Amino acid sequence: MLSETSSASSAVFAANRARGSVTFDVRAPDGVTRRGKLHESGSLRVRFPSPEGAGLSGVFVNTAGGVAGGDRFDIDITAGEGTRLTLTTAAAEKVYRAAGRPSELNIALKVAAGAHLSWLPQETILFDRARIARRIDIDLEEGASLLLCEIVVFGRAAMGERMREGELVDRWRVRRGGRLILAESVRLDGDIGAKLARPAIAKGAVAVATALIVPGDESLVENIREISASFGTEVGISAWNGFAMVRFCAQDAARLRTDVMAVLTRASGEALPRLWLN
């Protein structure tokens, strides 16, 4: 049984954890994407800076100033039929050291027929001893399209910091027309620095990224490979089940970002969010 002091400490810890959620949908009744219902709570916000043609762009802002152990954030987005939506973050998200429970991030993306969603947050930076569990669930109707990219940086190399220990649990599930087309779970814990140093895992890399492109086929793969001579990172490209996936692994986070931008621009044929160019 917990002592009164321990119980009080646990209650104080829980009360000081950040909570945030954003739920909204977009619609295009006249061919122009507009925001529908929006609900925000806690320290998570989304802003829509300006309309861009027929599409709409949104920027997530975490007013908590980062993510710490025990924090929880939930995002639920629905892109209605015929809409075009691009989402990013105001800055790289920093995940700080966690002494107890890991932070949680739950993302649900739903894309209707004829709609396109670009999910392009800036980097997630894991500090030493950070602990985070992230879950991404994507439901695509037949005829929907998606451009998604997530970048994870282990430590702040520019500050002479590296991630030695911690925990990263990353679970992705993608369904199209109700059928599961991708199920992937990654778990790195314990001495992450030593594991990343192994040649068979990351060969000393400090940053990784994954881009998912739906629809995607071999012609798209070849189109991206045409610019492979310019890559300064290890990049693997493949296509199956009607989608393409690009994986990046780098010993320099800035170089990885450059290569990611080149691939995303090549894959979509459109400009990236302005915040990516700052």
Protein backbone atom coordinates (compact mmCIF):
# COMPACT_ATOMS: atom_id res chain seq x y z
CA MET A 1 0.00 0.00 0.00
CA LEU A 2 1.30 3.45 -0.91
CA SER A 3 2.05 5.82 1.95
CA GLU A 4 0.08 9.04 2.22
CA THR A 5 3.21 10.93 1.12
CA SER A 6 3.65 8.71 -1.96
CA SER A 7 -0.01 9.03 -2.87
CA ALA A 8 0.14 12.80 -2.51
CA SER A 9 3.28 12.96 -4.67
CA SER A 10 1.63 10.82 -7.35
CA ALA A 11 -1.44 13.06 -7.32
CA VAL A 12 0.71 16.18 -7.68
CA PHE A 13 2.66 14.58 -10.54
CA ALA A 14 -0.53 13.61 -12.37
CA ALA A 15 -2.02 17.07 -11.89
CA ASN A 16 1.02 18.69 -13.46
CA ARG A 17 1.09 16.54 -16.58
CA ALA A 18 0.15 18.24 -19.83
CA ARG A 19 -2.98 17.09 -21.61
CA GLY A 20 -4.03 18.22 -25.05
CA SER A 21 -6.41 17.16 -27.77
CA VAL A 22 -7.53 18.46 -31.14
CA THR A 23 -10.43 17.05 -33.16
CA PHE A 24 -11.64 18.60 -36.38
CA ASP A 25 -12.89 17.88 -39.88
CA VAL A 26 -12.67 19.68 -43.21
CA ARG A 27 -15.23 19.84 -45.99
CA ALA A 28 -15.37 21.10 -49.58
CA PRO A 29 -19.03 21.71 -50.49
CA ASP A 30 -18.09 24.15 -53.27
CA GLY A 31 -14.70 22.71 -54.21
CA VAL A 32 -12.80 24.83 -51.69
CA THR A 33 -11.59 23.14 -48.50
CA ARG A 34 -12.95 24.74 -45.34
CA ARG A 35 -12.77 23.86 -41.69
CA GLY A 36 -15.81 22.14 -40.21
CA LYS A 37 -16.28 21.36 -36.53
CA LEU A 38 -13.26 21.97 -34.29
CA HIS A 39 -12.66 21.00 -30.67
CA GLU A 40 -9.48 21.88 -28.76
CA SER A 41 -8.59 21.20 -25.16
CA GLY A 42 -5.57 21.49 -22.92
CA SER A 43 -2.26 22.67 -24.30
CA LEU A 44 -2.71 21.57 -27.92
CA ARG A 45 -3.97 24.00 -30.56
CA VAL A 46 -4.31 24.11 -34.33
CA ARG A 47 -4.23 27.28 -36.39
CA PHE A 48 -5.06 27.88 -40.04
CA PRO A 49 -2.74 30.71 -41.19
CA SER A 50 -4.20 31.44 -44.61
CA PRO A 51 -6.10 29.75 -47.43
CA GLU A 52 -3.99 28.38 -50.26
CA GLY A 53 -6.03 28.02 -53.41
CA ALA A 54 -8.60 25.26 -53.06
CA GLY A 55 -6.71 23.61 -50.20
CA LEU A 56 -6.27 24.35 -46.51
CA SER A 57 -3.18 24.31 -44.28
CA GLY A 58 -3.10 23.82 -40.52
CA VAL A 59 -0.34 24.25 -37.94
CA PHE A 60 -0.28 22.49 -34.58
CA VAL A 61 1.03 24.41 -31.58
CA ASN A 62 1.88 22.80 -28.24
CA THR A 63 1.63 25.60 -25.67
CA ALA A 64 3.20 23.32 -23.04
CA GLY A 65 6.53 24.00 -24.73
CA GLY A 66 7.47 20.36 -25.19
CA VAL A 67 6.53 16.85 -24.10
CA ALA A 68 7.46 15.36 -20.73
CA GLY A 69 6.86 12.04 -19.03
CA GLY A 70 3.18 11.36 -18.33
CA ASP A 71 1.93 13.94 -20.85
CA ARG A 72 -0.76 12.84 -23.29
CA PHE A 73 -1.82 14.34 -26.61
CA ASP A 74 -4.64 13.14 -28.88
CA ILE A 75 -5.27 14.23 -32.47
CA ASP A 76 -8.28 13.14 -34.55
CA ILE A 77 -8.59 14.54 -38.08
CA THR A 78 -11.19 13.80 -40.79
CA ALA A 79 -10.67 15.01 -44.36
CA GLY A 80 -14.05 14.96 -46.11
CA GLU A 81 -14.70 14.00 -49.71
CA GLY A 82 -12.81 16.11 -52.24
CA THR A 83 -10.82 18.10 -49.68
CA ARG A 84 -7.11 18.95 -49.69
CA LEU A 85 -5.49 19.40 -46.29
CA THR A 86 -1.86 19.94 -45.26
CA LEU A 87 -0.83 19.73 -41.61
CA THR A 88 2.48 20.54 -39.93
CA THR A 89 3.83 21.80 -36.61
CA ALA A 90 5.07 25.24 -35.65
CA ALA A 91 8.46 23.84 -34.65
CA ALA A 92 10.27 20.61 -33.89
CA GLU A 93 8.69 18.82 -30.93
CA LYS A 94 11.04 18.17 -28.01
CA VAL A 95 10.46 15.11 -25.84
CA TYR A 96 12.20 15.55 -22.49
CA ARG A 97 13.56 13.09 -19.95
CA ALA A 98 10.88 11.02 -18.22
CA ALA A 99 11.42 9.77 -14.71
CA GLY A 100 8.19 7.76 -14.64
CA ARG A 101 5.49 6.98 -17.16
CA PRO A 102 6.18 7.65 -20.84
CA SER A 103 4.45 10.41 -22.72
CA GLU A 104 1.66 9.35 -25.10
CA LEU A 105 0.77 10.61 -28.55
CA ASN A 106 -2.31 9.19 -30.31
CA ILE A 107 -3.02 10.26 -33.89
CA ALA A 108 -6.09 9.22 -35.92
CA LEU A 109 -6.32 10.33 -39.55
CA LYS A 110 -9.38 9.62 -41.73
CA VAL A 111 -9.37 10.50 -45.43
CA ALA A 112 -12.49 10.22 -47.60
CA ALA A 113 -12.72 9.31 -51.28
CA GLY A 114 -11.21 11.95 -53.55
CA ALA A 115 -9.56 13.72 -50.61
CA HIS A 116 -5.85 14.30 -50.03
CA LEU A 117 -4.09 14.68 -46.70
CA SER A 118 -0.46 15.71 -46.19
CA TRP A 119 0.70 14.96 -42.64
CA LEU A 120 4.09 16.66 -42.38
CA PRO A 121 5.09 17.53 -38.81
CA GLN A 122 8.58 18.84 -38.21
CA GLU A 123 11.12 16.71 -36.33
CA THR A 124 10.47 14.93 -33.05
CA ILE A 125 13.64 15.34 -30.95
CA LEU A 126 14.18 12.80 -28.18
CA PHE A 127 16.33 13.98 -25.29
CA ASP A 128 18.41 11.51 -23.31
CA ARG A 129 16.16 9.26 -21.17
CA ALA A 130 13.04 10.41 -22.98
CA ARG A 131 10.20 7.90 -23.06
CA ILE A 132 7.37 8.13 -25.57
CA ALA A 133 4.66 5.85 -26.96
CA ARG A 134 3.16 6.99 -30.24
CA ARG A 135 0.26 5.46 -32.12
CA ILE A 136 -0.78 6.45 -35.65
CA ASP A 137 -4.02 5.02 -37.08
CA ILE A 138 -4.91 5.92 -40.66
CA ASP A 139 -8.18 5.05 -42.40
CA LEU A 140 -8.31 5.74 -46.13
CA GLU A 141 -11.37 5.29 -48.27
CA GLU A 142 -10.88 3.97 -51.79
CA GLY A 143 -9.70 6.85 -53.96
CA ALA A 144 -8.14 8.78 -51.07
CA SER A 145 -4.50 9.91 -51.18
CA LEU A 146 -1.93 10.51 -48.47
CA LEU A 147 1.53 12.00 -48.04
CA LEU A 148 2.89 11.36 -44.56
CA CYS A 149 6.34 11.83 -43.07
CA GLU A 150 7.67 11.47 -39.53
CA ILE A 151 11.26 12.35 -38.52
CA VAL A 152 12.81 11.23 -35.24
CA VAL A 153 16.09 12.72 -34.00
CA PHE A 154 17.94 11.02 -31.16
CA GLY A 155 19.47 13.82 -29.09
CA ARG A 156 20.67 17.31 -30.05
CA ALA A 157 23.94 16.71 -31.85
CA ALA A 158 24.39 20.44 -32.49
CA MET A 159 24.51 20.92 -28.71
CA GLY A 160 26.89 18.02 -28.20
CA GLU A 161 24.09 15.88 -26.78
CA ARG A 162 23.26 12.31 -27.71
CA MET A 163 20.49 10.03 -26.57
CA ARG A 164 21.97 7.22 -24.50
CA GLU A 165 18.99 5.64 -22.82
CA GLY A 166 15.24 5.90 -23.17
CA GLU A 167 12.23 4.33 -24.81
CA LEU A 168 10.49 4.80 -28.15
CA VAL A 169 7.42 2.74 -29.02
CA ASP A 170 5.99 3.62 -32.43
CA ARG A 171 2.89 1.80 -33.73
CA TRP A 172 1.48 2.48 -37.21
CA ARG A 173 -1.68 0.95 -38.71
CA VAL A 174 -2.98 1.90 -42.18
CA ARG A 175 -6.28 0.72 -43.64
CA ARG A 176 -7.68 1.36 -47.11
CA GLY A 177 -11.30 0.60 -47.83
CA GLY A 178 -11.44 -1.04 -44.40
CA ARG A 179 -8.63 -3.47 -45.25
CA LEU A 180 -5.35 -3.42 -43.35
CA ILE A 181 -2.51 -2.61 -45.76
CA LEU A 182 0.28 -1.72 -43.33
CA ALA A 183 0.98 -2.77 -39.76
CA GLU A 184 4.29 -1.75 -38.25
CA SER A 185 5.54 -1.49 -34.69
CA VAL A 186 8.98 -0.25 -33.64
CA ARG A 187 10.36 -0.49 -30.13
CA LEU A 188 13.69 0.89 -28.99
CA ASP A 189 14.44 0.90 -25.29
CA GLY A 190 17.22 0.55 -22.76
CA ASP A 191 20.63 1.54 -24.09
CA ILE A 192 19.36 3.11 -27.31
CA GLY A 193 22.71 4.74 -28.08
CA ALA A 194 24.47 1.37 -28.16
CA LYS A 195 21.73 -0.16 -30.29
CA LEU A 196 21.84 2.64 -32.85
CA ALA A 197 25.59 2.18 -33.07
CA ARG A 198 25.23 -1.39 -34.33
CA PRO A 199 25.83 -1.73 -38.09
CA ALA A 200 22.75 -3.92 -38.53
CA ILE A 201 20.49 -1.34 -36.85
CA ALA A 202 21.58 2.21 -37.68
CA LYS A 203 25.39 2.25 -37.93
CA GLY A 204 25.69 5.21 -35.60
CA ALA A 205 22.81 7.22 -37.05
CA VAL A 206 21.29 10.03 -34.97
CA ALA A 207 18.16 10.58 -37.08
CA VAL A 208 15.66 8.43 -38.96
CA ALA A 209 12.57 9.20 -41.00
CA THR A 210 9.77 7.39 -42.77
CA ALA A 211 7.66 8.75 -45.62
CA LEU A 212 4.46 7.00 -46.70
CA ILE A 213 2.89 7.82 -50.06
CA VAL A 214 -0.56 6.55 -51.08
CA PRO A 215 -1.10 5.71 -53.87
CA GLY A 216 2.39 4.66 -54.80
CA ASP A 217 3.84 2.25 -57.34
CA GLU A 218 7.10 1.34 -59.07
CA SER A 219 6.89 4.35 -61.39
CA LEU A 220 6.89 6.62 -58.35
CA VAL A 221 9.81 4.69 -56.89
CA GLU A 222 11.79 5.19 -60.09
CA ASN A 223 10.87 8.87 -60.15
CA ILE A 224 12.32 9.32 -56.67
CA ARG A 225 15.40 7.25 -57.46
CA GLU A 226 16.25 9.68 -60.25
CA ILE A 227 17.42 12.16 -57.59
CA SER A 228 19.20 9.56 -55.43
CA ALA A 229 22.66 10.79 -56.51
CA SER A 230 22.04 13.93 -54.45
CA PHE A 231 21.26 12.05 -51.22
CA GLY A 232 23.69 12.46 -48.34
CA THR A 233 21.87 9.89 -46.19
CA GLU A 234 21.01 6.23 -46.51
CA VAL A 235 17.66 6.04 -48.29
CA GLY A 236 15.58 2.96 -49.09
CA ILE A 237 12.58 3.15 -51.43
CA SER A 238 10.00 0.46 -52.18
CA ALA A 239 6.37 0.02 -53.22
CA TRP A 240 3.80 -2.68 -52.46
CA ASN A 241 0.12 -3.02 -51.61
CA GLY A 242 -0.59 0.14 -53.63
CA PHE A 243 1.62 2.47 -51.59
CA ALA A 244 5.25 3.57 -51.55
CA MET A 245 7.51 3.90 -48.53
CA VAL A 246 10.78 5.77 -48.19
CA ARG A 247 13.06 5.26 -45.19
CA PHE A 248 15.92 7.54 -44.20
CA CYS A 249 18.80 6.93 -41.81
CA ALA A 250 21.48 9.58 -41.19
CA GLN A 251 24.36 10.59 -38.98
CA ASP A 252 23.44 14.24 -39.54
CA ALA A 253 19.91 15.44 -38.79
CA ALA A 254 20.21 18.55 -40.96
CA ARG A 255 21.29 16.49 -43.97
CA LEU A 256 18.42 14.08 -43.40
CA ARG A 257 15.96 16.98 -43.39
CA THR A 258 17.36 18.18 -46.73
CA ASP A 259 16.92 14.74 -48.30
CA VAL A 260 13.43 14.34 -46.85
CA MET A 261 12.40 17.68 -48.35
CA ALA A 262 13.72 16.64 -51.77
CA VAL A 263 11.81 13.35 -51.68
CA LEU A 264 8.54 14.88 -50.47
CA THR A 265 8.68 17.59 -53.12
CA ARG A 266 9.44 14.99 -55.79
CA ALA A 267 6.64 12.70 -54.62
CA SER A 268 3.94 15.34 -54.37
CA GLY A 269 4.98 17.86 -57.00
CA GLU A 270 3.90 20.58 -54.57
CA ALA A 271 5.67 23.02 -52.30
CA LEU A 272 6.22 21.99 -48.70
CA PRO A 273 4.65 23.97 -45.82
CA ARG A 274 6.34 27.35 -45.44
CA LEU A 275 7.47 26.52 -41.91
CA TRP A 276 9.66 23.75 -43.32
CA LEU A 277 11.57 26.36 -45.32
CA ASN A 278 12.49 28.61 -42.39
